[in-house]
Every structure is written in structure tokens, then in C-alpha cells.
Amino acid sequence: MRVFLIGFMASGKSTYGKKLASKLDVSFIDLDEKIEDSRGASIRYLMVKYGEDEFRKIEREILKNTIEVNDHCIIATGGGTPCFEDNMELMNRSGKTIYIEVDTGVLVNRLIESKKDRPLIWGKTPDDLKAYASNLLNQRKKYYESADSKVSGKSLKMEDLIELMPDEMGVKS
């Protein structure tokens, strides 16, 4: 069984995904890292070189390949992954999807503090970032909301995620 963690950038998908995979003794896959490894370049470089439309085609290819070659695993997607092509439907058919929901204010604070390079927010002031994040989150919410389950990411506890795991994932004591 595959479990896909989806949500906006800085919602905690990778952070919680690593911990959850360790707890369940399954593989953890960060889709952005798979994309970077497959192309030998950063997401930033790929976005600049190819533009977002072409990047999303690459992302779709890597998502499909990841699903084909991995079974029992936790996959943290990029924030936009569910919102392009039919990626959300593909993930829902291929495993369990969990939306980590975090409100805009918390996301903006996390993005400002983040050390991760996030191409979609380059050069934005805190006020610009808040407006941008709010607008983009509103656009993406319909995709995120089609997940099998939803949890609040504001003060998420591992137990909250473990409760959502399919029986076949098993939990280490």
C-alpha cells in the first residue's frame, strides 16, 4: 500500500513523511528529490530552464514511475503535484491520499523561516507572500480536498497520521 502525503508547500509532508515511514518500517520517497535525482538538477533549475508547464510533465512522469516501482511506501508529493494532469486521481487509485491542511498564516511563517529553495516564492516580500499563498491555496484546495483523508498540520502528532494508515501498512510497537 502506498500512502501519499499532499498539501501546500511547507505543510510538513516531507518532515512527517520521514517520521511516519520510519515508524511503519517502510520506504520514504520525496517526489521532489526523485525529480532532482532523475534529471541531475534542482527543481529551481528545472523550473527556470523548462518553465512550469514542462516541469509538470516531468513531475507526472516521475510520479507514474514512482508508483510503478514502489509498493509499501510513504510518498511526499510537491505542493502542486495533485493539481496538474490527473495526478490526484492517479494517486487516489494507487494508494491512500492524506491532505495535511495548514492555514495560510502558519504556512507563510514556515515559508519565511524555511531554508528550502522554493521557486514559486522567489523575491516575494512577507505581504506579497501572504497574498500569493492565500490565492494559490484557494486554487489548489479543491484538489487537496479530494484526498481520502485530511489532518490538521498546525500541531500534527504522529499518532494522528498513524490512525489514518491502512491496516496493511502495520505499525511497529
N, C-alpha and C. Protein backbone atom coordinates (compact mmCIF):
# COMPACT_ATOMS: atom_id res chain seq x y z
N MET A 1 0.84 -1.19 0.00
CA MET A 1 0.00 0.00 0.00
C MET A 1 0.88 1.24 0.00
N ARG A 2 0.56 2.16 -0.89
CA ARG A 2 1.24 3.45 -0.95
C ARG A 2 0.40 4.47 -0.20
N VAL A 3 1.08 5.35 0.52
CA VAL A 3 0.40 6.47 1.17
C VAL A 3 1.03 7.75 0.63
N PHE A 4 0.20 8.62 0.08
CA PHE A 4 0.65 9.88 -0.47
C PHE A 4 0.30 11.00 0.50
N LEU A 5 1.29 11.78 0.89
CA LEU A 5 1.05 12.97 1.71
C LEU A 5 1.01 14.17 0.77
N ILE A 6 -0.10 14.87 0.79
CA ILE A 6 -0.27 16.02 -0.10
C ILE A 6 -0.58 17.25 0.75
N GLY A 7 -0.38 18.41 0.14
CA GLY A 7 -0.68 19.67 0.80
C GLY A 7 0.21 20.76 0.25
N PHE A 8 -0.02 21.95 0.72
CA PHE A 8 0.71 23.13 0.26
C PHE A 8 2.18 23.04 0.67
N MET A 9 3.04 23.78 -0.02
CA MET A 9 4.44 23.81 0.39
C MET A 9 4.54 24.26 1.85
N ALA A 10 5.45 23.63 2.57
CA ALA A 10 5.71 23.91 3.99
C ALA A 10 4.62 23.38 4.92
N SER A 11 3.77 22.48 4.41
CA SER A 11 2.74 21.90 5.28
C SER A 11 3.29 20.78 6.16
N GLY A 12 4.46 20.28 5.84
CA GLY A 12 5.08 19.24 6.66
C GLY A 12 5.10 17.87 6.02
N LYS A 13 4.84 17.79 4.74
CA LYS A 13 4.76 16.49 4.05
C LYS A 13 6.04 15.68 4.20
N SER A 14 7.17 16.29 3.91
CA SER A 14 8.45 15.56 4.00
C SER A 14 8.85 15.28 5.44
N THR A 15 8.69 16.25 6.29
CA THR A 15 9.05 16.08 7.70
C THR A 15 8.27 14.93 8.33
N TYR A 16 6.96 14.97 8.18
CA TYR A 16 6.12 13.91 8.76
C TYR A 16 6.25 12.61 7.99
N GLY A 17 6.45 12.71 6.68
CA GLY A 17 6.60 11.50 5.87
C GLY A 17 7.79 10.66 6.30
N LYS A 18 8.92 11.30 6.56
CA LYS A 18 10.11 10.57 7.02
C LYS A 18 9.85 9.88 8.35
N LYS A 19 9.24 10.60 9.28
CA LYS A 19 8.95 10.03 10.60
C LYS A 19 7.96 8.88 10.49
N LEU A 20 6.94 9.06 9.68
CA LEU A 20 5.91 8.04 9.52
C LEU A 20 6.50 6.78 8.88
N ALA A 21 7.30 6.94 7.85
CA ALA A 21 7.94 5.80 7.18
C ALA A 21 8.82 5.03 8.16
N SER A 22 9.55 5.75 8.98
CA SER A 22 10.40 5.11 9.98
C SER A 22 9.56 4.32 10.98
N LYS A 23 8.48 4.91 11.43
CA LYS A 23 7.59 4.26 12.40
C LYS A 23 6.97 3.00 11.81
N LEU A 24 6.62 3.05 10.53
CA LEU A 24 5.96 1.92 9.87
C LEU A 24 6.96 0.94 9.25
N ASP A 25 8.25 1.31 9.28
CA ASP A 25 9.31 0.49 8.69
C ASP A 25 9.07 0.25 7.19
N VAL A 26 8.76 1.34 6.48
CA VAL A 26 8.59 1.30 5.04
C VAL A 26 9.47 2.39 4.42
N SER A 27 9.61 2.36 3.13
CA SER A 27 10.42 3.37 2.43
C SER A 27 9.74 4.73 2.44
N PHE A 28 10.57 5.77 2.47
CA PHE A 28 10.07 7.13 2.31
C PHE A 28 10.58 7.67 0.99
N ILE A 29 9.70 8.29 0.23
CA ILE A 29 10.08 8.88 -1.06
C ILE A 29 9.61 10.32 -1.08
N ASP A 30 10.55 11.23 -1.32
CA ASP A 30 10.24 12.64 -1.52
C ASP A 30 10.21 12.84 -3.04
N LEU A 31 9.04 13.12 -3.58
CA LEU A 31 8.89 13.20 -5.04
C LEU A 31 9.79 14.29 -5.64
N ASP A 32 9.94 15.42 -4.96
CA ASP A 32 10.83 16.47 -5.47
C ASP A 32 12.27 15.96 -5.57
N GLU A 33 12.72 15.20 -4.57
CA GLU A 33 14.08 14.64 -4.61
C GLU A 33 14.22 13.64 -5.75
N LYS A 34 13.17 12.84 -6.00
CA LYS A 34 13.21 11.89 -7.12
C LYS A 34 13.33 12.64 -8.45
N ILE A 35 12.62 13.74 -8.57
CA ILE A 35 12.70 14.54 -9.80
C ILE A 35 14.11 15.08 -9.97
N GLU A 36 14.66 15.64 -8.90
CA GLU A 36 16.02 16.19 -8.97
C GLU A 36 17.04 15.10 -9.31
N ASP A 37 16.91 13.95 -8.68
CA ASP A 37 17.84 12.84 -8.95
C ASP A 37 17.72 12.36 -10.39
N SER A 38 16.50 12.29 -10.90
CA SER A 38 16.29 11.77 -12.25
C SER A 38 16.84 12.70 -13.32
N ARG A 39 16.84 13.99 -13.04
CA ARG A 39 17.29 14.97 -14.03
C ARG A 39 18.66 15.55 -13.72
N GLY A 40 19.21 15.21 -12.56
CA GLY A 40 20.53 15.73 -12.18
C GLY A 40 20.54 17.24 -12.03
N ALA A 41 19.41 17.79 -11.61
CA ALA A 41 19.30 19.24 -11.48
C ALA A 41 18.26 19.56 -10.41
N SER A 42 18.38 20.75 -9.84
CA SER A 42 17.44 21.18 -8.81
C SER A 42 16.08 21.52 -9.43
N ILE A 43 15.06 21.51 -8.58
CA ILE A 43 13.72 21.93 -9.02
C ILE A 43 13.81 23.36 -9.57
N ARG A 44 14.54 24.20 -8.87
CA ARG A 44 14.70 25.60 -9.31
C ARG A 44 15.24 25.66 -10.74
N TYR A 45 16.31 24.92 -11.00
CA TYR A 45 16.91 24.91 -12.33
C TYR A 45 15.91 24.41 -13.38
N LEU A 46 15.23 23.32 -13.05
CA LEU A 46 14.26 22.74 -13.99
C LEU A 46 13.13 23.71 -14.29
N MET A 47 12.66 24.42 -13.27
CA MET A 47 11.57 25.40 -13.48
C MET A 47 12.04 26.56 -14.35
N VAL A 48 13.25 27.03 -14.10
CA VAL A 48 13.79 28.15 -14.89
C VAL A 48 14.06 27.71 -16.33
N LYS A 49 14.69 26.55 -16.48
CA LYS A 49 15.07 26.09 -17.81
C LYS A 49 13.86 25.72 -18.67
N TYR A 50 12.91 25.00 -18.08
CA TYR A 50 11.80 24.46 -18.87
C TYR A 50 10.47 25.18 -18.70
N GLY A 51 10.32 25.96 -17.63
CA GLY A 51 9.04 26.59 -17.34
C GLY A 51 8.15 25.62 -16.58
N GLU A 52 7.10 26.16 -15.98
CA GLU A 52 6.26 25.33 -15.12
C GLU A 52 5.52 24.25 -15.89
N ASP A 53 5.02 24.54 -17.10
CA ASP A 53 4.26 23.53 -17.84
C ASP A 53 5.11 22.30 -18.13
N GLU A 54 6.32 22.51 -18.60
CA GLU A 54 7.20 21.37 -18.90
C GLU A 54 7.64 20.68 -17.61
N PHE A 55 7.88 21.46 -16.56
CA PHE A 55 8.24 20.86 -15.27
C PHE A 55 7.12 19.92 -14.81
N ARG A 56 5.88 20.32 -14.97
CA ARG A 56 4.76 19.49 -14.53
C ARG A 56 4.66 18.19 -15.32
N LYS A 57 5.10 18.19 -16.57
CA LYS A 57 5.15 16.95 -17.36
C LYS A 57 6.22 16.02 -16.79
N ILE A 58 7.36 16.59 -16.45
CA ILE A 58 8.44 15.80 -15.82
C ILE A 58 7.94 15.22 -14.50
N GLU A 59 7.29 16.06 -13.71
CA GLU A 59 6.75 15.63 -12.42
C GLU A 59 5.78 14.46 -12.59
N ARG A 60 4.91 14.55 -13.58
CA ARG A 60 3.93 13.48 -13.86
C ARG A 60 4.64 12.18 -14.22
N GLU A 61 5.66 12.28 -15.06
CA GLU A 61 6.42 11.09 -15.46
C GLU A 61 7.07 10.42 -14.24
N ILE A 62 7.66 11.21 -13.37
CA ILE A 62 8.33 10.67 -12.18
C ILE A 62 7.30 10.10 -11.21
N LEU A 63 6.16 10.75 -11.07
CA LEU A 63 5.10 10.22 -10.21
C LEU A 63 4.66 8.85 -10.70
N LYS A 64 4.37 8.72 -12.00
CA LYS A 64 3.94 7.44 -12.56
C LYS A 64 5.00 6.37 -12.35
N ASN A 65 6.25 6.71 -12.63
CA ASN A 65 7.34 5.75 -12.46
C ASN A 65 7.48 5.33 -10.99
N THR A 66 7.37 6.28 -10.09
CA THR A 66 7.49 6.01 -8.66
C THR A 66 6.40 5.04 -8.22
N ILE A 67 5.20 5.23 -8.70
CA ILE A 67 4.09 4.34 -8.37
C ILE A 67 4.34 2.94 -8.93
N GLU A 68 4.84 2.88 -10.17
CA GLU A 68 5.07 1.58 -10.81
C GLU A 68 6.12 0.74 -10.10
N VAL A 69 7.13 1.36 -9.53
CA VAL A 69 8.25 0.59 -8.96
C VAL A 69 8.27 0.55 -7.43
N ASN A 70 7.31 1.16 -6.77
CA ASN A 70 7.27 1.17 -5.30
C ASN A 70 5.89 0.77 -4.81
N ASP A 71 5.88 -0.14 -3.83
CA ASP A 71 4.59 -0.57 -3.30
C ASP A 71 4.38 -0.05 -1.89
N HIS A 72 4.93 -0.70 -0.89
CA HIS A 72 4.75 -0.26 0.50
C HIS A 72 5.68 0.92 0.77
N CYS A 73 5.12 2.14 0.77
CA CYS A 73 5.95 3.32 0.96
C CYS A 73 5.09 4.52 1.32
N ILE A 74 5.77 5.53 1.83
CA ILE A 74 5.17 6.84 2.08
C ILE A 74 5.78 7.78 1.04
N ILE A 75 4.93 8.49 0.30
CA ILE A 75 5.40 9.41 -0.73
C ILE A 75 4.94 10.82 -0.39
N ALA A 76 5.90 11.72 -0.21
CA ALA A 76 5.59 13.14 -0.02
C ALA A 76 5.65 13.79 -1.40
N THR A 77 4.54 14.36 -1.81
CA THR A 77 4.49 14.99 -3.13
C THR A 77 4.90 16.46 -3.03
N GLY A 78 5.15 17.07 -4.17
CA GLY A 78 5.31 18.51 -4.21
C GLY A 78 3.96 19.15 -3.98
N GLY A 79 3.95 20.40 -3.57
CA GLY A 79 2.70 21.08 -3.28
C GLY A 79 1.75 21.16 -4.46
N GLY A 80 2.30 21.25 -5.67
CA GLY A 80 1.46 21.35 -6.86
C GLY A 80 1.14 20.03 -7.52
N THR A 81 1.81 18.97 -7.10
CA THR A 81 1.63 17.67 -7.76
C THR A 81 0.17 17.28 -7.95
N PRO A 82 -0.68 17.36 -6.91
CA PRO A 82 -2.07 16.92 -7.08
C PRO A 82 -2.89 17.77 -8.04
N CYS A 83 -2.40 18.94 -8.39
CA CYS A 83 -3.20 19.94 -9.09
C CYS A 83 -3.01 19.95 -10.60
N PHE A 84 -2.20 19.04 -11.12
CA PHE A 84 -1.90 19.03 -12.55
C PHE A 84 -2.17 17.66 -13.14
N GLU A 85 -2.43 17.67 -14.47
CA GLU A 85 -2.77 16.44 -15.18
C GLU A 85 -3.94 15.80 -14.43
N ASP A 86 -3.90 14.47 -14.29
CA ASP A 86 -4.89 13.77 -13.45
C ASP A 86 -4.15 13.12 -12.28
N ASN A 87 -3.14 13.83 -11.77
CA ASN A 87 -2.29 13.28 -10.71
C ASN A 87 -3.08 12.89 -9.46
N MET A 88 -4.05 13.71 -9.08
CA MET A 88 -4.80 13.40 -7.86
C MET A 88 -5.59 12.10 -8.04
N GLU A 89 -6.23 11.94 -9.19
CA GLU A 89 -6.97 10.71 -9.46
C GLU A 89 -6.02 9.51 -9.48
N LEU A 90 -4.87 9.67 -10.09
CA LEU A 90 -3.87 8.59 -10.15
C LEU A 90 -3.44 8.19 -8.74
N MET A 91 -3.17 9.17 -7.88
CA MET A 91 -2.75 8.85 -6.52
C MET A 91 -3.88 8.20 -5.73
N ASN A 92 -5.11 8.69 -5.91
CA ASN A 92 -6.25 8.09 -5.21
C ASN A 92 -6.48 6.64 -5.64
N ARG A 93 -6.22 6.34 -6.91
CA ARG A 93 -6.36 4.96 -7.40
C ARG A 93 -5.21 4.07 -6.94
N SER A 94 -4.05 4.67 -6.70
CA SER A 94 -2.83 3.90 -6.45
C SER A 94 -2.48 3.74 -4.98
N GLY A 95 -3.26 4.32 -4.10
CA GLY A 95 -2.95 4.23 -2.67
C GLY A 95 -3.90 5.11 -1.88
N LYS A 96 -3.47 5.45 -0.70
CA LYS A 96 -4.26 6.31 0.19
C LYS A 96 -3.64 7.71 0.15
N THR A 97 -4.48 8.72 0.00
CA THR A 97 -4.02 10.10 -0.01
C THR A 97 -4.44 10.79 1.28
N ILE A 98 -3.50 11.54 1.85
CA ILE A 98 -3.77 12.28 3.08
C ILE A 98 -3.36 13.73 2.86
N TYR A 99 -4.32 14.60 3.03
CA TYR A 99 -4.11 16.05 2.91
C TYR A 99 -3.70 16.60 4.26
N ILE A 100 -2.52 17.18 4.33
CA ILE A 100 -2.07 17.87 5.54
C ILE A 100 -2.45 19.34 5.36
N GLU A 101 -3.50 19.73 6.05
CA GLU A 101 -4.07 21.07 5.90
C GLU A 101 -3.45 22.02 6.93
N VAL A 102 -2.98 23.16 6.45
CA VAL A 102 -2.39 24.18 7.32
C VAL A 102 -2.91 25.53 6.83
N ASP A 103 -3.30 26.41 7.78
CA ASP A 103 -3.84 27.70 7.36
C ASP A 103 -2.73 28.61 6.82
N THR A 104 -3.16 29.60 6.08
CA THR A 104 -2.23 30.48 5.36
C THR A 104 -1.22 31.16 6.27
N GLY A 105 -1.66 31.66 7.42
CA GLY A 105 -0.74 32.35 8.33
C GLY A 105 0.41 31.47 8.77
N VAL A 106 0.09 30.24 9.14
CA VAL A 106 1.13 29.29 9.57
C VAL A 106 2.04 28.96 8.40
N LEU A 107 1.46 28.74 7.22
CA LEU A 107 2.27 28.42 6.03
C LEU A 107 3.24 29.55 5.72
N VAL A 108 2.76 30.79 5.76
CA VAL A 108 3.62 31.93 5.44
C VAL A 108 4.77 32.01 6.43
N ASN A 109 4.50 31.84 7.72
CA ASN A 109 5.58 31.85 8.71
C ASN A 109 6.59 30.75 8.45
N ARG A 110 6.12 29.56 8.13
CA ARG A 110 7.02 28.45 7.83
C ARG A 110 7.84 28.74 6.57
N LEU A 111 7.21 29.31 5.56
CA LEU A 111 7.92 29.61 4.31
C LEU A 111 9.00 30.67 4.54
N ILE A 112 8.70 31.67 5.36
CA ILE A 112 9.68 32.72 5.65
C ILE A 112 10.88 32.13 6.38
N GLU A 113 10.62 31.19 7.29
CA GLU A 113 11.69 30.57 8.09
C GLU A 113 12.42 29.45 7.35
N SER A 114 11.83 28.94 6.30
CA SER A 114 12.36 27.77 5.60
C SER A 114 13.71 28.04 4.94
N LYS A 115 14.55 27.04 4.98
CA LYS A 115 15.84 27.10 4.29
C LYS A 115 15.73 26.48 2.89
N LYS A 116 14.61 25.85 2.59
CA LYS A 116 14.42 25.17 1.32
C LYS A 116 14.18 26.18 0.20
N ASP A 117 14.80 25.92 -0.95
CA ASP A 117 14.63 26.77 -2.12
C ASP A 117 13.27 26.44 -2.76
N ARG A 118 12.39 27.42 -2.79
CA ARG A 118 11.05 27.21 -3.34
C ARG A 118 10.83 28.20 -4.49
N PRO A 119 10.98 27.72 -5.73
CA PRO A 119 10.93 28.61 -6.89
C PRO A 119 9.68 29.47 -7.00
N LEU A 120 8.53 28.98 -6.57
CA LEU A 120 7.30 29.75 -6.75
C LEU A 120 7.19 30.96 -5.82
N ILE A 121 8.10 31.09 -4.84
CA ILE A 121 8.00 32.23 -3.92
C ILE A 121 9.23 33.14 -3.97
N TRP A 122 10.10 32.97 -4.95
CA TRP A 122 11.29 33.81 -5.06
C TRP A 122 10.92 35.29 -5.08
N GLY A 123 11.67 36.09 -4.33
CA GLY A 123 11.58 37.53 -4.39
C GLY A 123 10.32 38.14 -3.80
N LYS A 124 9.53 37.37 -3.10
CA LYS A 124 8.29 37.91 -2.54
C LYS A 124 8.53 38.45 -1.12
N THR A 125 7.97 39.62 -0.85
CA THR A 125 8.01 40.18 0.50
C THR A 125 7.02 39.38 1.36
N PRO A 126 7.09 39.52 2.69
CA PRO A 126 6.10 38.81 3.52
C PRO A 126 4.65 39.11 3.15
N ASP A 127 4.34 40.37 2.84
CA ASP A 127 2.97 40.72 2.45
C ASP A 127 2.60 40.09 1.10
N ASP A 128 3.55 40.16 0.14
CA ASP A 128 3.32 39.53 -1.16
C ASP A 128 3.13 38.03 -1.00
N LEU A 129 3.95 37.45 -0.14
CA LEU A 129 3.90 36.00 0.09
C LEU A 129 2.56 35.59 0.68
N LYS A 130 2.07 36.38 1.61
CA LYS A 130 0.76 36.06 2.22
C LYS A 130 -0.35 36.08 1.17
N ALA A 131 -0.37 37.11 0.35
CA ALA A 131 -1.39 37.22 -0.70
C ALA A 131 -1.24 36.08 -1.72
N TYR A 132 -0.01 35.82 -2.12
CA TYR A 132 0.26 34.76 -3.09
C TYR A 132 -0.16 33.40 -2.54
N ALA A 133 0.27 33.10 -1.31
CA ALA A 133 -0.04 31.81 -0.70
C ALA A 133 -1.55 31.63 -0.53
N SER A 134 -2.23 32.68 -0.10
CA SER A 134 -3.68 32.61 0.08
C SER A 134 -4.38 32.33 -1.24
N ASN A 135 -3.98 33.03 -2.29
CA ASN A 135 -4.57 32.84 -3.61
C ASN A 135 -4.29 31.44 -4.16
N LEU A 136 -3.03 31.01 -4.07
CA LEU A 136 -2.65 29.71 -4.61
C LEU A 136 -3.31 28.58 -3.81
N LEU A 137 -3.37 28.73 -2.50
CA LEU A 137 -4.03 27.72 -1.67
C LEU A 137 -5.51 27.60 -2.03
N ASN A 138 -6.17 28.73 -2.27
CA ASN A 138 -7.57 28.70 -2.68
C ASN A 138 -7.75 27.98 -4.02
N GLN A 139 -6.81 28.16 -4.95
CA GLN A 139 -6.88 27.49 -6.24
C GLN A 139 -6.67 25.98 -6.10
N ARG A 140 -5.78 25.59 -5.20
CA ARG A 140 -5.41 24.19 -5.06
C ARG A 140 -6.31 23.39 -4.12
N LYS A 141 -7.06 24.09 -3.30
CA LYS A 141 -7.83 23.42 -2.24
C LYS A 141 -8.76 22.34 -2.78
N LYS A 142 -9.39 22.56 -3.93
CA LYS A 142 -10.32 21.56 -4.48
C LYS A 142 -9.61 20.25 -4.78
N TYR A 143 -8.36 20.33 -5.18
CA TYR A 143 -7.58 19.10 -5.42
C TYR A 143 -7.22 18.44 -4.09
N TYR A 144 -6.71 19.25 -3.18
CA TYR A 144 -6.32 18.72 -1.86
C TYR A 144 -7.51 18.08 -1.15
N GLU A 145 -8.67 18.72 -1.27
CA GLU A 145 -9.86 18.24 -0.58
C GLU A 145 -10.38 16.92 -1.14
N SER A 146 -9.89 16.50 -2.29
CA SER A 146 -10.33 15.21 -2.85
C SER A 146 -9.49 14.05 -2.32
N ALA A 147 -8.64 14.32 -1.34
CA ALA A 147 -7.85 13.25 -0.70
C ALA A 147 -8.78 12.34 0.09
N ASP A 148 -8.30 11.13 0.33
CA ASP A 148 -9.05 10.16 1.14
C ASP A 148 -9.27 10.65 2.56
N SER A 149 -8.26 11.33 3.12
CA SER A 149 -8.32 11.80 4.50
C SER A 149 -7.68 13.18 4.59
N LYS A 150 -8.02 13.87 5.67
CA LYS A 150 -7.45 15.19 5.91
C LYS A 150 -7.08 15.29 7.39
N VAL A 151 -5.90 15.89 7.66
CA VAL A 151 -5.49 16.15 9.04
C VAL A 151 -5.00 17.59 9.13
N SER A 152 -5.13 18.16 10.31
CA SER A 152 -4.61 19.50 10.54
C SER A 152 -3.11 19.40 10.75
N GLY A 153 -2.36 20.18 9.99
CA GLY A 153 -0.91 20.17 10.10
C GLY A 153 -0.36 21.20 11.06
N LYS A 154 -1.22 21.98 11.69
CA LYS A 154 -0.74 23.05 12.57
C LYS A 154 0.03 22.49 13.76
N SER A 155 -0.51 21.51 14.42
CA SER A 155 0.19 20.87 15.54
C SER A 155 0.02 19.36 15.42
N LEU A 156 0.34 18.84 14.25
CA LEU A 156 0.15 17.44 13.92
C LEU A 156 1.01 16.54 14.79
N LYS A 157 0.41 15.46 15.26
CA LYS A 157 1.12 14.45 16.04
C LYS A 157 1.18 13.17 15.21
N MET A 158 2.26 12.42 15.38
CA MET A 158 2.44 11.19 14.63
C MET A 158 1.24 10.25 14.82
N GLU A 159 0.67 10.22 16.01
CA GLU A 159 -0.48 9.36 16.28
C GLU A 159 -1.66 9.69 15.36
N ASP A 160 -1.81 10.98 15.03
CA ASP A 160 -2.89 11.40 14.14
C ASP A 160 -2.74 10.76 12.76
N LEU A 161 -1.50 10.70 12.28
CA LEU A 161 -1.25 10.08 10.97
C LEU A 161 -1.36 8.56 11.05
N ILE A 162 -0.85 7.98 12.11
CA ILE A 162 -0.88 6.53 12.25
C ILE A 162 -2.32 6.01 12.26
N GLU A 163 -3.21 6.77 12.88
CA GLU A 163 -4.63 6.37 12.91
C GLU A 163 -5.23 6.27 11.52
N LEU A 164 -4.68 7.00 10.57
CA LEU A 164 -5.21 7.02 9.20
C LEU A 164 -4.60 5.94 8.30
N MET A 165 -3.62 5.22 8.79
CA MET A 165 -2.93 4.24 7.97
C MET A 165 -3.81 3.03 7.68
N PRO A 166 -3.72 2.55 6.43
CA PRO A 166 -4.43 1.32 6.08
C PRO A 166 -3.86 0.16 6.90
N ASP A 167 -4.69 -0.82 7.21
CA ASP A 167 -4.26 -1.96 8.02
C ASP A 167 -3.01 -2.64 7.48
N GLU A 168 -2.90 -2.74 6.17
CA GLU A 168 -1.76 -3.46 5.58
C GLU A 168 -0.43 -2.72 5.78
N MET A 169 -0.44 -1.48 6.24
CA MET A 169 0.81 -0.77 6.50
C MET A 169 1.46 -1.25 7.80
N GLY A 170 0.65 -1.63 8.77
CA GLY A 170 1.21 -2.13 10.04
C GLY A 170 2.01 -1.08 10.77
N VAL A 171 1.96 -1.09 12.07
CA VAL A 171 2.68 -0.12 12.89
C VAL A 171 3.60 -0.87 13.84
N LYS A 172 4.89 -0.45 13.88
CA LYS A 172 5.83 -1.05 14.83
C LYS A 172 5.45 -0.62 16.23
N SER A 173 5.59 -1.54 17.20
CA SER A 173 5.29 -1.17 18.59
C SER A 173 6.39 -0.34 19.17
